[in-house]
Amino acid sequence: MCKITPNPPETDPASPYESNDSKKFHHAAERALDHYLKPATAIMAAPYKPSTMFLINPETDAESLLANACESLASASVMLGDVAGLVDGPIRKTLLGIAQVVMLGELAVNRALDKVEIAG
């Protein structure tokens, strides 16, 4: 009878800890893998602390903040559209997609602004 599966490949029976050189190589490889593949636990454990370089006056009312955000988003949308008109291919599609997300944000801010005006 014919054997359908091949014989398993022959493996090197030597342990990575057989000699001092192989131990050093193994430890160096582990450090390299840890450096590139393990998440930076110190960064992920640190709480997010926003930059204080640019501060908004805490006494600014919500309506003014929303109006400013709306104008900023509208400007970003126009800038993205202008740049998208200058390029072709996948970059253009990416820019137009970002412009659409910005427009959706602008719509949401406009709606929030409407609610603030109605309540106020």
Protein backbone atom coordinates (compact mmCIF):
# COMPACT_ATOMS: atom_id res chain seq x y z
CA MET A 1 0.00 0.00 0.00
CA CYS A 2 1.25 3.50 -0.90
CA LYS A 3 1.69 6.11 1.79
CA ILE A 4 -0.27 9.26 0.87
CA THR A 5 1.37 11.72 3.29
CA PRO A 6 5.11 12.42 3.15
CA ASN A 7 7.41 11.70 6.03
CA PRO A 8 7.71 14.57 8.52
CA PRO A 9 10.70 16.81 7.87
CA GLU A 10 13.82 16.05 9.79
CA THR A 11 14.40 18.60 12.53
CA ASP A 12 17.59 19.62 14.19
CA PRO A 13 17.51 18.00 17.63
CA ALA A 14 19.84 20.69 19.05
CA SER A 15 18.32 22.86 21.76
CA PRO A 16 18.66 26.65 21.46
CA TYR A 17 20.38 26.46 24.85
CA GLU A 18 22.98 23.92 23.83
CA SER A 19 25.91 26.36 23.75
CA ASN A 20 26.66 29.81 25.09
CA ASP A 21 26.55 31.29 21.58
CA SER A 22 23.12 29.83 20.88
CA LYS A 23 21.87 31.14 24.25
CA LYS A 24 23.13 34.64 23.43
CA PHE A 25 21.55 34.49 19.97
CA HIS A 26 18.26 33.25 21.41
CA HIS A 27 18.17 36.03 24.04
CA ALA A 28 19.04 38.65 21.43
CA ALA A 29 16.27 37.39 19.18
CA GLU A 30 13.77 37.47 22.06
CA ARG A 31 14.74 41.06 22.93
CA ALA A 32 14.35 42.12 19.29
CA LEU A 33 10.95 40.47 19.02
CA ASP A 34 9.82 42.02 22.30
CA HIS A 35 11.01 45.43 21.17
CA TYR A 36 9.09 45.34 17.89
CA LEU A 37 6.06 43.22 18.72
CA LYS A 38 5.09 43.89 22.34
CA PRO A 39 2.97 46.98 22.96
CA ALA A 40 4.53 49.86 24.81
CA THR A 41 2.92 49.22 28.18
CA ALA A 42 4.33 52.40 29.72
CA ILE A 43 2.71 54.54 27.03
CA MET A 44 -0.58 52.67 27.16
CA ALA A 45 -0.73 52.77 30.96
CA ALA A 46 -0.17 56.52 31.16
CA PRO A 47 -3.43 58.50 31.35
CA TYR A 48 -4.14 60.92 28.50
CA LYS A 49 -3.21 64.45 29.44
CA PRO A 50 -4.13 67.09 26.85
CA SER A 51 -1.57 69.68 25.91
CA THR A 52 -1.92 73.01 27.64
CA MET A 53 -0.16 74.92 24.86
CA PHE A 54 -3.45 76.07 23.35
CA LEU A 55 -6.19 76.65 25.84
CA ILE A 56 -9.77 77.74 25.27
CA ASN A 57 -11.14 80.23 27.70
CA PRO A 58 -13.23 78.13 30.12
CA GLU A 59 -15.77 80.94 30.31
CA THR A 60 -16.56 80.79 26.57
CA ASP A 61 -20.20 79.84 26.06
CA ALA A 62 -21.22 76.67 24.21
CA GLU A 63 -22.83 78.55 21.34
CA SER A 64 -19.59 80.41 20.54
CA LEU A 65 -17.57 77.19 20.73
CA LEU A 66 -19.99 75.38 18.41
CA ALA A 67 -20.04 78.29 15.95
CA ASN A 68 -16.25 78.32 15.85
CA ALA A 69 -16.10 74.54 15.41
CA CYS A 70 -18.64 74.78 12.59
CA GLU A 71 -16.58 77.43 10.79
CA SER A 72 -13.37 75.41 11.24
CA LEU A 73 -15.00 72.28 9.84
CA ALA A 74 -16.43 74.23 6.89
CA SER A 75 -12.96 75.63 6.14
CA ALA A 76 -11.40 72.17 6.36
CA SER A 77 -14.04 70.82 4.00
CA VAL A 78 -13.30 73.52 1.41
CA MET A 79 -9.53 72.98 1.72
CA LEU A 80 -9.90 69.23 1.25
CA GLY A 81 -12.10 69.78 -1.79
CA ASP A 82 -9.57 72.17 -3.30
CA VAL A 83 -6.66 69.77 -2.81
CA ALA A 84 -8.74 66.82 -4.08
CA GLY A 85 -9.32 68.80 -7.29
CA LEU A 86 -5.57 68.93 -7.88
CA VAL A 87 -4.83 65.19 -7.61
CA ASP A 88 -6.05 62.02 -9.30
CA GLY A 89 -6.50 58.37 -8.43
CA PRO A 90 -6.68 56.83 -4.97
CA ILE A 91 -5.34 59.93 -3.24
CA ARG A 92 -8.26 61.94 -4.61
CA LYS A 93 -10.72 59.35 -3.33
CA THR A 94 -9.08 59.40 0.08
CA LEU A 95 -9.24 63.20 0.27
CA LEU A 96 -12.88 63.21 -0.81
CA GLY A 97 -13.65 60.58 1.84
CA ILE A 98 -12.00 62.70 4.51
CA ALA A 99 -13.93 65.74 3.24
CA GLN A 100 -17.16 63.78 3.60
CA VAL A 101 -16.34 62.85 7.20
CA VAL A 102 -15.56 66.52 7.92
CA MET A 103 -18.90 67.53 6.37
CA LEU A 104 -20.70 65.02 8.58
CA GLY A 105 -18.97 66.54 11.59
CA GLU A 106 -20.02 69.98 10.41
CA LEU A 107 -23.63 68.82 10.12
CA ALA A 108 -23.53 67.40 13.64
CA VAL A 109 -22.08 70.62 15.04
CA ASN A 110 -24.71 72.65 13.16
CA ARG A 111 -27.45 70.49 14.68
CA ALA A 112 -25.97 70.95 18.17
CA LEU A 113 -25.78 74.69 17.50
CA ASP A 114 -29.48 74.69 16.52
CA LYS A 115 -30.34 72.97 19.80
CA VAL A 116 -28.31 75.49 21.80
CA GLU A 117 -30.04 78.40 20.04
CA ILE A 118 -33.49 76.87 20.65
CA ALA A 119 -32.75 76.23 24.34
CA GLY A 120 -31.17 79.63 24.83
